Amino acid sequence: MPLYESVLIARQDISASQADALADDFSKSIEENGGKVVSRENWGLRTLAYRIKKNRKGHYILLNIDAPTATVQEMERQMRLHEYILRFLTLKVDELATEPSLMVQNLAPRDERPHHAGGGVNDKQTVKGDDQ
C-alpha cells in the first residue's frame, strides 16, 4: 500500500485533549477503510505564520499512514468538512520516518537533544583574511 504523511492544524480554542481526540477520530476512520496509522506525533500548540480564519495559533498533528489512496481521499474529505481543522497537507512518500521528527526533537529539553558537532554560531573558527 502507498505511504503518506499528513499534517493537520486544528483551531487554537480547542484543548490538547480535544486535538488528540480529533486525531483519534481520523485514525479510526483510516483503520475502518482498510488502512493503518503507523505513527502519530502531536507537535502541540504553535504560532502560525499568518492568521487563518482569525486564529493566530494552532494544534499541529502529524499522521504517518499506510493506506490505499481511496482511504486517504476519504480522510481528506472529512478534514475539509470538519469545523476544527484549519489546514491540512498530505504527501505521498517513499518510506516513513522511523525516528522522531525535528519538531518533536525541538520540544525536548536542551540537555536531552542530540548534539551536533561543529557548525554552530558560537563555535570559534578561523576565517581566511581574519588575521588583522
N, C-alpha and C. Protein backbone atom coordinates (compact mmCIF):
# COMPACT_ATOMS: atom_id res chain seq x y z
N MET A 1 0.84 -1.18 0.00
CA MET A 1 0.00 0.00 0.00
C MET A 1 0.88 1.24 0.00
N PRO A 2 0.39 2.33 -0.55
CA PRO A 2 1.15 3.58 -0.55
C PRO A 2 1.32 4.14 0.87
N LEU A 3 2.38 4.91 1.05
CA LEU A 3 2.68 5.52 2.34
C LEU A 3 2.46 7.02 2.25
N TYR A 4 1.89 7.59 3.30
CA TYR A 4 1.58 9.02 3.33
C TYR A 4 1.99 9.64 4.65
N GLU A 5 2.33 10.92 4.60
CA GLU A 5 2.49 11.75 5.79
C GLU A 5 1.45 12.85 5.70
N SER A 6 0.68 13.02 6.76
CA SER A 6 -0.36 14.04 6.77
C SER A 6 -0.21 14.90 8.01
N VAL A 7 -0.15 16.21 7.81
CA VAL A 7 -0.09 17.16 8.92
C VAL A 7 -1.38 17.95 8.91
N LEU A 8 -2.01 18.04 10.08
CA LEU A 8 -3.22 18.83 10.18
C LEU A 8 -3.04 19.89 11.26
N ILE A 9 -3.71 21.01 11.06
CA ILE A 9 -3.68 22.11 12.02
C ILE A 9 -5.11 22.32 12.51
N ALA A 10 -5.30 22.17 13.82
CA ALA A 10 -6.61 22.35 14.43
C ALA A 10 -6.67 23.72 15.10
N ARG A 11 -7.87 24.21 15.31
CA ARG A 11 -8.07 25.54 15.89
C ARG A 11 -7.44 25.67 17.27
N GLN A 12 -7.09 26.90 17.63
CA GLN A 12 -6.42 27.15 18.90
C GLN A 12 -7.36 27.08 20.09
N ASP A 13 -8.65 27.26 19.89
CA ASP A 13 -9.58 27.33 21.01
C ASP A 13 -10.04 25.96 21.52
N ILE A 14 -9.56 24.87 20.92
CA ILE A 14 -9.85 23.55 21.48
C ILE A 14 -8.70 23.15 22.40
N SER A 15 -8.96 22.25 23.32
CA SER A 15 -7.91 21.82 24.24
C SER A 15 -7.01 20.77 23.58
N ALA A 16 -5.90 20.49 24.23
CA ALA A 16 -4.97 19.49 23.70
C ALA A 16 -5.62 18.11 23.67
N SER A 17 -6.44 17.81 24.67
CA SER A 17 -7.12 16.51 24.68
C SER A 17 -8.16 16.42 23.55
N GLN A 18 -8.80 17.53 23.22
CA GLN A 18 -9.73 17.53 22.09
C GLN A 18 -8.99 17.35 20.77
N ALA A 19 -7.79 17.93 20.66
CA ALA A 19 -6.99 17.76 19.45
C ALA A 19 -6.56 16.31 19.30
N ASP A 20 -6.20 15.65 20.43
CA ASP A 20 -5.86 14.23 20.38
C ASP A 20 -7.08 13.39 19.99
N ALA A 21 -8.25 13.75 20.51
CA ALA A 21 -9.47 13.03 20.16
C ALA A 21 -9.78 13.19 18.67
N LEU A 22 -9.49 14.36 18.13
CA LEU A 22 -9.67 14.62 16.71
C LEU A 22 -8.77 13.70 15.89
N ALA A 23 -7.51 13.58 16.29
CA ALA A 23 -6.57 12.69 15.60
C ALA A 23 -7.01 11.23 15.75
N ASP A 24 -7.57 10.87 16.92
CA ASP A 24 -8.09 9.51 17.12
C ASP A 24 -9.23 9.22 16.15
N ASP A 25 -10.10 10.21 15.94
CA ASP A 25 -11.22 10.03 15.01
C ASP A 25 -10.73 9.77 13.59
N PHE A 26 -9.73 10.55 13.15
CA PHE A 26 -9.21 10.35 11.80
C PHE A 26 -8.46 9.03 11.69
N SER A 27 -7.76 8.63 12.75
CA SER A 27 -7.07 7.34 12.76
C SER A 27 -8.07 6.20 12.66
N LYS A 28 -9.16 6.31 13.40
CA LYS A 28 -10.21 5.30 13.38
C LYS A 28 -10.83 5.20 11.98
N SER A 29 -11.05 6.35 11.36
CA SER A 29 -11.61 6.38 10.01
C SER A 29 -10.70 5.67 9.02
N ILE A 30 -9.39 5.89 9.16
CA ILE A 30 -8.42 5.25 8.26
C ILE A 30 -8.45 3.73 8.46
N GLU A 31 -8.46 3.29 9.72
CA GLU A 31 -8.45 1.86 10.00
C GLU A 31 -9.74 1.18 9.56
N GLU A 32 -10.87 1.87 9.66
CA GLU A 32 -12.14 1.30 9.20
C GLU A 32 -12.17 1.10 7.69
N ASN A 33 -11.41 1.91 6.96
CA ASN A 33 -11.39 1.83 5.50
C ASN A 33 -10.20 1.04 4.96
N GLY A 34 -9.58 0.23 5.81
CA GLY A 34 -8.54 -0.67 5.32
C GLY A 34 -7.12 -0.14 5.40
N GLY A 35 -6.90 0.95 6.09
CA GLY A 35 -5.56 1.50 6.22
C GLY A 35 -5.01 1.31 7.62
N LYS A 36 -3.85 1.90 7.85
CA LYS A 36 -3.20 1.77 9.15
C LYS A 36 -2.42 3.05 9.45
N VAL A 37 -2.58 3.58 10.66
CA VAL A 37 -1.78 4.72 11.10
C VAL A 37 -0.55 4.14 11.77
N VAL A 38 0.61 4.30 11.13
CA VAL A 38 1.85 3.72 11.63
C VAL A 38 2.34 4.46 12.86
N SER A 39 2.30 5.79 12.81
CA SER A 39 2.71 6.58 13.98
C SER A 39 1.98 7.91 13.95
N ARG A 40 1.97 8.54 15.12
CA ARG A 40 1.31 9.84 15.27
C ARG A 40 2.15 10.69 16.20
N GLU A 41 2.34 11.95 15.82
CA GLU A 41 3.09 12.89 16.65
C GLU A 41 2.24 14.12 16.89
N ASN A 42 2.17 14.54 18.13
CA ASN A 42 1.48 15.77 18.47
C ASN A 42 2.55 16.84 18.68
N TRP A 43 2.57 17.83 17.81
CA TRP A 43 3.58 18.88 17.89
C TRP A 43 3.16 20.01 18.81
N GLY A 44 1.95 19.97 19.32
CA GLY A 44 1.50 20.95 20.29
C GLY A 44 0.92 22.21 19.66
N LEU A 45 0.65 23.17 20.52
CA LEU A 45 0.10 24.46 20.10
C LEU A 45 1.24 25.35 19.64
N ARG A 46 1.22 25.75 18.37
CA ARG A 46 2.30 26.53 17.79
C ARG A 46 1.73 27.78 17.12
N THR A 47 2.56 28.80 17.04
CA THR A 47 2.16 30.04 16.39
C THR A 47 2.16 29.86 14.87
N LEU A 48 1.12 30.35 14.23
CA LEU A 48 1.02 30.29 12.77
C LEU A 48 1.82 31.43 12.15
N ALA A 49 2.26 31.26 10.93
CA ALA A 49 2.99 32.31 10.23
C ALA A 49 2.08 33.48 9.89
N TYR A 50 0.81 33.22 9.69
CA TYR A 50 -0.17 34.26 9.40
C TYR A 50 -1.53 33.78 9.93
N ARG A 51 -2.43 34.69 10.11
CA ARG A 51 -3.75 34.34 10.62
C ARG A 51 -4.51 33.46 9.62
N ILE A 52 -5.17 32.46 10.16
CA ILE A 52 -6.05 31.61 9.36
C ILE A 52 -7.39 31.60 10.06
N LYS A 53 -8.41 32.15 9.41
CA LYS A 53 -9.76 32.22 9.98
C LYS A 53 -9.73 32.80 11.40
N LYS A 54 -9.02 33.91 11.55
CA LYS A 54 -8.91 34.67 12.80
C LYS A 54 -8.15 33.94 13.91
N ASN A 55 -7.40 32.91 13.57
CA ASN A 55 -6.60 32.16 14.55
C ASN A 55 -5.13 32.51 14.38
N ARG A 56 -4.44 32.77 15.48
CA ARG A 56 -3.01 33.06 15.46
C ARG A 56 -2.17 31.84 15.80
N LYS A 57 -2.79 30.84 16.42
CA LYS A 57 -2.11 29.61 16.81
C LYS A 57 -2.92 28.42 16.36
N GLY A 58 -2.28 27.24 16.39
CA GLY A 58 -2.98 26.02 16.03
C GLY A 58 -2.31 24.80 16.61
N HIS A 59 -3.09 23.75 16.82
CA HIS A 59 -2.57 22.46 17.28
C HIS A 59 -2.11 21.68 16.05
N TYR A 60 -0.83 21.33 16.01
CA TYR A 60 -0.26 20.59 14.88
C TYR A 60 -0.18 19.11 15.23
N ILE A 61 -0.61 18.26 14.29
CA ILE A 61 -0.56 16.81 14.48
C ILE A 61 -0.08 16.17 13.18
N LEU A 62 0.89 15.26 13.29
CA LEU A 62 1.43 14.52 12.15
C LEU A 62 0.94 13.09 12.22
N LEU A 63 0.42 12.57 11.10
CA LEU A 63 -0.01 11.17 10.99
C LEU A 63 0.82 10.51 9.89
N ASN A 64 1.49 9.41 10.22
CA ASN A 64 2.16 8.58 9.22
C ASN A 64 1.21 7.44 8.88
N ILE A 65 0.84 7.35 7.61
CA ILE A 65 -0.27 6.49 7.20
C ILE A 65 0.19 5.48 6.15
N ASP A 66 -0.27 4.25 6.29
CA ASP A 66 -0.10 3.20 5.29
C ASP A 66 -1.50 2.78 4.88
N ALA A 67 -1.97 3.30 3.74
CA ALA A 67 -3.37 3.08 3.37
C ALA A 67 -3.55 3.22 1.86
N PRO A 68 -4.63 2.65 1.34
CA PRO A 68 -4.95 2.85 -0.08
C PRO A 68 -5.31 4.32 -0.36
N THR A 69 -5.18 4.70 -1.59
CA THR A 69 -5.44 6.08 -1.99
C THR A 69 -6.87 6.52 -1.67
N ALA A 70 -7.82 5.64 -1.89
CA ALA A 70 -9.23 5.99 -1.63
C ALA A 70 -9.46 6.30 -0.15
N THR A 71 -8.77 5.59 0.73
CA THR A 71 -8.89 5.83 2.16
C THR A 71 -8.37 7.21 2.53
N VAL A 72 -7.23 7.59 1.96
CA VAL A 72 -6.65 8.91 2.24
C VAL A 72 -7.54 10.01 1.67
N GLN A 73 -8.11 9.79 0.51
CA GLN A 73 -9.02 10.77 -0.07
C GLN A 73 -10.26 10.96 0.80
N GLU A 74 -10.76 9.88 1.38
CA GLU A 74 -11.91 9.98 2.28
C GLU A 74 -11.54 10.74 3.55
N MET A 75 -10.34 10.50 4.08
CA MET A 75 -9.88 11.23 5.27
C MET A 75 -9.78 12.73 4.96
N GLU A 76 -9.22 13.08 3.81
CA GLU A 76 -9.11 14.48 3.41
C GLU A 76 -10.49 15.12 3.24
N ARG A 77 -11.45 14.37 2.71
CA ARG A 77 -12.81 14.89 2.57
C ARG A 77 -13.40 15.21 3.93
N GLN A 78 -13.18 14.31 4.89
CA GLN A 78 -13.68 14.54 6.25
C GLN A 78 -12.98 15.74 6.89
N MET A 79 -11.70 15.92 6.61
CA MET A 79 -10.97 17.07 7.16
C MET A 79 -11.50 18.38 6.60
N ARG A 80 -11.84 18.39 5.31
CA ARG A 80 -12.38 19.60 4.70
C ARG A 80 -13.71 20.00 5.33
N LEU A 81 -14.49 19.01 5.76
CA LEU A 81 -15.80 19.28 6.32
C LEU A 81 -15.77 19.60 7.82
N HIS A 82 -14.69 19.23 8.49
CA HIS A 82 -14.63 19.37 9.95
C HIS A 82 -14.40 20.83 10.34
N GLU A 83 -15.17 21.31 11.31
CA GLU A 83 -15.10 22.72 11.69
C GLU A 83 -13.84 23.09 12.46
N TYR A 84 -13.18 22.14 13.11
CA TYR A 84 -11.99 22.44 13.91
C TYR A 84 -10.69 22.41 13.10
N ILE A 85 -10.71 21.89 11.89
CA ILE A 85 -9.50 21.79 11.07
C ILE A 85 -9.32 23.09 10.29
N LEU A 86 -8.16 23.74 10.49
CA LEU A 86 -7.86 24.97 9.74
C LEU A 86 -7.21 24.64 8.41
N ARG A 87 -6.19 23.79 8.44
CA ARG A 87 -5.45 23.40 7.24
C ARG A 87 -4.98 21.96 7.40
N PHE A 88 -4.69 21.32 6.27
CA PHE A 88 -4.06 20.01 6.29
C PHE A 88 -3.24 19.86 5.02
N LEU A 89 -2.24 19.00 5.10
CA LEU A 89 -1.41 18.70 3.94
C LEU A 89 -1.04 17.23 4.00
N THR A 90 -1.31 16.51 2.93
CA THR A 90 -0.98 15.09 2.85
C THR A 90 -0.02 14.88 1.70
N LEU A 91 1.09 14.21 1.99
CA LEU A 91 2.11 13.93 0.98
C LEU A 91 2.32 12.44 0.86
N LYS A 92 2.49 11.98 -0.38
CA LYS A 92 2.85 10.58 -0.60
C LYS A 92 4.37 10.48 -0.51
N VAL A 93 4.86 9.52 0.27
CA VAL A 93 6.31 9.37 0.49
C VAL A 93 6.74 7.96 0.10
N ASP A 94 8.04 7.82 -0.15
CA ASP A 94 8.59 6.50 -0.49
C ASP A 94 8.71 5.61 0.74
N GLU A 95 9.11 6.22 1.86
CA GLU A 95 9.21 5.46 3.12
C GLU A 95 8.90 6.39 4.28
N LEU A 96 8.41 5.80 5.35
CA LEU A 96 8.06 6.58 6.53
C LEU A 96 9.27 6.70 7.44
N ALA A 97 9.40 7.85 8.09
CA ALA A 97 10.50 8.07 9.02
C ALA A 97 10.31 7.20 10.26
N THR A 98 11.38 6.57 10.70
CA THR A 98 11.31 5.72 11.88
C THR A 98 11.69 6.47 13.15
N GLU A 99 12.41 7.55 13.00
CA GLU A 99 12.83 8.34 14.16
C GLU A 99 11.90 9.53 14.34
N PRO A 100 11.88 10.13 15.53
CA PRO A 100 11.02 11.30 15.75
C PRO A 100 11.40 12.45 14.82
N SER A 101 10.40 13.22 14.42
CA SER A 101 10.65 14.35 13.53
C SER A 101 11.41 15.45 14.26
N LEU A 102 11.93 16.41 13.51
CA LEU A 102 12.65 17.52 14.10
C LEU A 102 11.76 18.36 15.00
N MET A 103 10.50 18.44 14.68
CA MET A 103 9.56 19.21 15.50
C MET A 103 9.47 18.61 16.90
N VAL A 104 9.42 17.30 17.00
CA VAL A 104 9.34 16.64 18.31
C VAL A 104 10.68 16.74 19.03
N GLN A 105 11.77 16.63 18.29
CA GLN A 105 13.10 16.76 18.91
C GLN A 105 13.29 18.14 19.50
N ASN A 106 12.74 19.17 18.86
CA ASN A 106 12.86 20.54 19.38
C ASN A 106 12.00 20.76 20.62
N LEU A 107 11.01 19.91 20.87
CA LEU A 107 10.19 20.03 22.06
C LEU A 107 10.89 19.49 23.29
N ALA A 108 11.90 18.64 23.10
CA ALA A 108 12.63 18.05 24.23
C ALA A 108 13.49 19.11 24.91
N PRO A 109 13.75 18.96 26.22
CA PRO A 109 14.64 19.91 26.90
C PRO A 109 16.03 19.91 26.25
N ARG A 110 16.73 21.02 26.35
CA ARG A 110 18.01 21.19 25.68
C ARG A 110 19.04 20.10 26.02
N ASP A 111 19.08 19.66 27.26
CA ASP A 111 20.09 18.67 27.63
C ASP A 111 19.78 17.28 27.07
N GLU A 112 18.54 17.03 26.61
CA GLU A 112 18.17 15.74 26.04
C GLU A 112 18.25 15.73 24.52
N ARG A 113 18.49 16.87 23.89
CA ARG A 113 18.55 16.95 22.43
C ARG A 113 19.86 16.35 21.93
N PRO A 114 19.85 15.78 20.73
CA PRO A 114 21.10 15.26 20.17
C PRO A 114 22.06 16.40 19.88
N HIS A 115 23.34 16.18 20.17
CA HIS A 115 24.35 17.21 19.97
C HIS A 115 24.96 17.05 18.59
N HIS A 116 25.05 18.13 17.85
CA HIS A 116 25.65 18.13 16.53
C HIS A 116 27.04 18.74 16.63
N ALA A 117 28.01 18.09 16.06
CA ALA A 117 29.39 18.55 16.16
C ALA A 117 29.64 19.68 15.16
N GLY A 118 30.16 20.80 15.66
CA GLY A 118 30.60 21.91 14.80
C GLY A 118 29.49 22.63 14.08
N GLY A 119 29.84 23.73 13.47
CA GLY A 119 28.91 24.47 12.65
C GLY A 119 28.02 25.42 13.40
N GLY A 120 28.17 25.49 14.71
CA GLY A 120 27.33 26.38 15.49
C GLY A 120 27.80 27.82 15.42
N VAL A 121 26.95 28.74 15.77
CA VAL A 121 27.28 30.16 15.73
C VAL A 121 28.35 30.50 16.76
N ASN A 122 28.31 29.85 17.90
CA ASN A 122 29.25 30.17 18.97
C ASN A 122 30.58 29.44 18.85
N ASP A 123 30.71 28.54 17.86
CA ASP A 123 31.98 27.84 17.69
C ASP A 123 33.03 28.79 17.14
N LYS A 124 34.24 28.74 17.71
CA LYS A 124 35.35 29.59 17.26
C LYS A 124 36.00 28.92 16.06
N GLN A 125 35.96 29.58 14.95
CA GLN A 125 36.59 29.08 13.74
C GLN A 125 37.39 30.20 13.11
N THR A 126 38.53 29.84 12.56
CA THR A 126 39.35 30.86 11.90
C THR A 126 38.90 30.99 10.45
N VAL A 127 38.86 32.23 10.02
CA VAL A 127 38.45 32.53 8.67
C VAL A 127 39.61 33.19 7.97
N LYS A 128 39.89 32.80 6.71
CA LYS A 128 40.99 33.40 5.97
C LYS A 128 40.79 34.89 5.86
N GLY A 129 41.84 35.63 6.07
CA GLY A 129 41.78 37.10 5.99
C GLY A 129 41.30 37.73 7.28
N ASP A 130 41.17 36.95 8.33
CA ASP A 130 40.71 37.46 9.61
C ASP A 130 41.86 37.57 10.62
N ASP A 131 43.08 37.72 10.09
CA ASP A 131 44.29 37.76 10.93
C ASP A 131 44.59 39.14 11.45
N GLN A 132 43.86 40.15 11.11
CA GLN A 132 44.19 41.53 11.44
C GLN A 132 43.99 41.86 12.85
